Amino acid sequence: MKKYKLFVALFILLVIGCRSNTGLKDFTYKYSMESAGNFKVEFQLNPDSTYTIAQNNYFFDRFEGTSRPVEKEGVLSQQEFEKFSELINESNVNNMNDAYGFEENKNSDNSIVYVVELIQNGKSKFVTINAGAHQDFSKAFTELIEYTNNYINANLKQ
């Protein structure tokens, strides 16, 4: 009887342990927003909670005859990293199509293009979105993009 109870207890611990490991592990998240020839903003979140942000304003740089990229590096707080992890996990980037909004063959020279890349286990998943895409994305993916943009804006102002 004791062996049976021990077996049941070990089985329950194993099931609980497996459930808690369903989140993201050692991932790199990259995000960019670009209007070709006008501007580009890039964000990269690394597995060690470090991040980089780069902003280029090509339009005004050409006008002024100079190049003044803005670059920022830092470390996310544990709470910020967990929020990004949660949103990335819930958005199911790996199950999304590779591209949205490019099938209409319209002139998109001034379109804003978003690119999300998720790197896990040596594999990259890219999702490219033309801002003019008439597509409904999941609430989690929309929140991920919004949270990323808010984080970039807040940290570029510092």
Protein backbone atom coordinates (compact mmCIF):
# COMPACT_ATOMS: atom_id res chain seq x y z
CA MET A 1 0.00 0.00 0.00
CA LYS A 2 2.86 2.40 0.82
CA LYS A 3 4.44 1.74 -2.58
CA TYR A 4 1.13 2.58 -4.27
CA LYS A 5 0.83 5.91 -2.39
CA LEU A 6 4.45 6.75 -3.19
CA PHE A 7 3.86 5.96 -6.87
CA VAL A 8 0.74 8.17 -6.96
CA ALA A 9 2.57 11.02 -5.22
CA LEU A 10 5.49 10.82 -7.67
CA PHE A 11 3.09 10.70 -10.62
CA ILE A 12 1.27 13.83 -9.40
CA LEU A 13 4.57 15.68 -8.94
CA LEU A 14 5.66 14.65 -12.43
CA VAL A 15 2.41 15.92 -13.98
CA ILE A 16 2.61 19.23 -12.09
CA GLY A 17 6.27 19.64 -13.09
CA CYS A 18 5.50 19.04 -16.77
CA ARG A 19 2.66 21.56 -16.74
CA SER A 20 4.86 24.30 -15.31
CA ASN A 21 7.41 23.89 -18.14
CA THR A 22 5.05 24.79 -20.99
CA GLY A 23 6.26 28.41 -21.29
CA LEU A 24 9.04 29.90 -23.35
CA LYS A 25 12.61 28.91 -22.66
CA ASP A 26 15.75 30.69 -23.87
CA PHE A 27 14.18 32.78 -26.60
CA THR A 28 15.20 35.88 -28.49
CA TYR A 29 12.43 38.23 -29.57
CA LYS A 30 13.04 40.79 -32.31
CA TYR A 31 10.64 43.44 -33.52
CA SER A 32 10.98 46.14 -36.15
CA MET A 33 8.71 48.78 -37.62
CA GLU A 34 9.83 50.45 -40.83
CA SER A 35 8.66 52.81 -43.52
CA ALA A 36 11.20 52.24 -46.29
CA GLY A 37 13.36 55.31 -46.77
CA ASN A 38 11.68 57.19 -43.91
CA PHE A 39 12.32 55.53 -40.55
CA LYS A 40 13.08 52.27 -38.82
CA VAL A 41 12.78 51.23 -35.18
CA GLU A 42 14.21 47.93 -33.95
CA PHE A 43 13.92 46.13 -30.62
CA GLN A 44 15.68 42.96 -29.52
CA LEU A 45 15.06 41.09 -26.27
CA ASN A 46 17.64 38.46 -25.33
CA PRO A 47 17.28 35.40 -23.06
CA ASP A 48 19.32 37.09 -20.31
CA SER A 49 16.78 39.99 -20.09
CA THR A 50 19.05 42.43 -21.92
CA TYR A 51 17.59 44.51 -24.71
CA THR A 52 18.68 46.82 -27.50
CA ILE A 53 16.67 49.52 -29.23
CA ALA A 54 17.74 51.30 -32.41
CA GLN A 55 15.92 54.16 -34.12
CA ASN A 56 16.83 55.65 -37.49
CA ASN A 57 15.08 58.63 -39.04
CA TYR A 58 16.25 58.34 -42.64
CA PHE A 59 13.98 61.10 -43.97
CA PHE A 60 15.28 63.87 -41.69
CA ASP A 61 18.83 62.53 -41.82
CA ARG A 62 18.80 62.91 -45.63
CA PHE A 63 17.28 66.37 -45.32
CA GLU A 64 19.95 67.46 -42.80
CA GLY A 65 22.79 65.62 -44.57
CA THR A 66 23.75 63.65 -41.48
CA SER A 67 23.08 60.31 -39.82
CA ARG A 68 21.98 60.32 -36.19
CA PRO A 69 20.77 56.87 -35.16
CA VAL A 70 19.56 56.57 -31.59
CA GLU A 71 20.66 53.41 -29.80
CA LYS A 72 19.82 52.24 -26.30
CA GLU A 73 20.79 49.14 -24.36
CA GLY A 74 19.62 47.95 -20.98
CA VAL A 75 18.24 45.20 -18.81
CA LEU A 76 14.55 44.54 -18.27
CA SER A 77 13.22 44.15 -14.76
CA GLN A 78 12.02 40.67 -13.83
CA GLN A 79 8.42 41.91 -14.10
CA GLU A 80 8.98 43.40 -17.58
CA PHE A 81 10.70 40.24 -18.82
CA GLU A 82 7.88 38.07 -17.48
CA LYS A 83 5.29 40.31 -19.18
CA PHE A 84 7.09 40.01 -22.54
CA SER A 85 7.41 36.23 -22.06
CA GLU A 86 3.72 35.91 -21.24
CA LEU A 87 2.60 37.96 -24.25
CA ILE A 88 4.96 36.16 -26.64
CA ASN A 89 3.82 32.77 -25.36
CA GLU A 90 0.12 33.67 -25.59
CA SER A 91 0.44 35.22 -29.06
CA ASN A 92 1.45 31.90 -30.67
CA VAL A 93 3.90 33.52 -33.09
CA ASN A 94 5.09 30.08 -34.22
CA ASN A 95 1.59 29.25 -35.49
CA MET A 96 1.07 32.48 -37.44
CA ASN A 97 1.45 32.88 -41.20
CA ASP A 98 4.78 34.20 -42.47
CA ALA A 99 3.25 37.29 -44.10
CA TYR A 100 0.08 39.38 -43.99
CA GLY A 101 -1.07 42.13 -46.36
CA PHE A 102 1.34 41.61 -49.26
CA GLU A 103 -0.92 39.61 -51.53
CA GLU A 104 -2.85 42.58 -52.91
CA ASN A 105 -0.04 43.73 -55.28
CA LYS A 106 -0.64 47.35 -54.40
CA ASN A 107 2.07 50.00 -54.50
CA SER A 108 3.32 49.97 -50.95
CA ASP A 109 6.39 52.21 -51.18
CA ASN A 110 5.39 54.23 -48.11
CA SER A 111 3.73 51.42 -46.20
CA ILE A 112 4.73 50.69 -42.66
CA VAL A 113 5.98 47.13 -42.32
CA TYR A 114 6.21 45.26 -39.03
CA VAL A 115 8.52 42.28 -38.62
CA VAL A 116 8.45 39.97 -35.61
CA GLU A 117 11.07 37.27 -35.21
CA LEU A 118 11.06 34.64 -32.49
CA ILE A 119 14.19 32.52 -32.12
CA GLN A 120 14.00 29.32 -30.07
CA ASN A 121 16.14 26.19 -30.12
CA GLY A 122 18.14 27.56 -33.06
CA LYS A 123 15.01 28.05 -35.20
CA SER A 124 13.66 31.40 -36.35
CA LYS A 125 10.04 32.22 -37.05
CA PHE A 126 9.38 35.45 -38.96
CA VAL A 127 6.03 37.20 -39.22
CA THR A 128 5.94 40.17 -41.60
CA ILE A 129 2.92 42.47 -41.65
CA ASN A 130 2.03 45.29 -44.01
CA ALA A 131 0.26 47.88 -41.84
CA GLY A 132 -2.46 48.13 -44.47
CA ALA A 133 -3.33 44.46 -44.04
CA HIS A 134 -7.00 43.88 -43.44
CA GLN A 135 -6.45 41.15 -40.90
CA ASP A 136 -7.73 40.47 -37.41
CA PHE A 137 -4.92 39.30 -35.16
CA SER A 138 -5.29 37.60 -31.81
CA LYS A 139 -5.76 39.80 -28.77
CA ALA A 140 -2.47 38.51 -27.33
CA PHE A 141 -0.52 39.36 -30.50
CA THR A 142 -2.05 42.85 -30.65
CA GLU A 143 -1.14 43.35 -26.97
CA LEU A 144 2.42 42.15 -27.67
CA ILE A 145 2.87 44.74 -30.43
CA GLU A 146 1.31 47.48 -28.28
CA TYR A 147 3.44 46.57 -25.24
CA THR A 148 6.59 46.49 -27.38
CA ASN A 149 5.85 49.92 -28.91
CA ASN A 150 5.09 51.42 -25.48
CA TYR A 151 8.30 49.96 -24.08
CA ILE A 152 10.35 51.35 -26.97
CA ASN A 153 8.77 54.81 -26.66
CA ALA A 154 9.27 54.97 -22.89
CA ASN A 155 12.92 53.93 -23.11
CA LEU A 156 13.89 56.16 -26.03
CA LYS A 157 12.64 59.20 -24.10
CA GLN A 158 15.03 58.54 -21.19
